[in-house]
Amino acid sequence: MSAARLRSPLGLGHATVVLLGLVIAADLFDIWAGALEVRVAGEILAGINDDAALRRGELADALHDWSRFAQTVTLLAAAVMFLRWFHRIRVNAEVFDPSGHTKSRGWAIWGWFCPVVNLWFPRRVALDIWDASATSANRPGHGLVNSWWTLLMVSLLAGRAAEWRYDTARGVVGWRHALRHMMVADALDAAAAVLAVLVVLRVTRMQHDRALAGPVFVPALG
């Protein structure tokens, strides 16, 4: 393994925050599109089928397609940038505290993709980074990281359940219920992204301040 080398997390951190902001915007867009489709479903159940209602239905369908596309694109872009940032801060944290990590450097990436262990390895890596990045005089608790991780897991489960309900919906009533479930899942995803933004900003700032606080010993790893 190569020696850990301190590099600024500011650029990657700011780019990650911007892309997470786009994820939040895409979720809100999908919630709005879902609300329009719920309205259309209500009109269908009420027997409203005039030209205006048909146009609203076509608009709602088109907006829903675009919002799902926006969610996919922004999520992929944000995920790639987040992983780059996460690996950068993991290496930096090893410079700050070489012995304060329970997982090796590679788990900062692979921990997100390995089945089962991805339910807790990334959180453990994040907590080790958090502790190593804080100064000994000001070490905050883990509440923010734990809240983000909990909400992320809940939003992922809610998203899977909502997708299944949407794909298996039968009839207009079932479709309307599925749309409402998807709107709840979108809201949870947006909330998790907000907490992710706070985590990124906090850790990036902690590492920046830690680097400015004084010289950092870089261990010779081999």
Foldseek 3Di string as FASTA:
>chain_A
DAFQDADALVVLLVVLLVLLVLLLVLLVLLLVLLVLCLVLLVCVVVVNDDPVSVVSNVVSVVSNVVSVVSNVVSVVVSVVSVLVSQLNLLSLLCLQPVPQAPDDSVCSRCCCPDPPSVLPSNLRSLVSSLQSLADPVDRDDCVLSVVLSVLVVVLVVLCVVLVVQCVPADDSVSNSVSSVSSSVSSVSSSVSSVSVSVSSVVSSVSNVVVVVVDDTHTDGDD
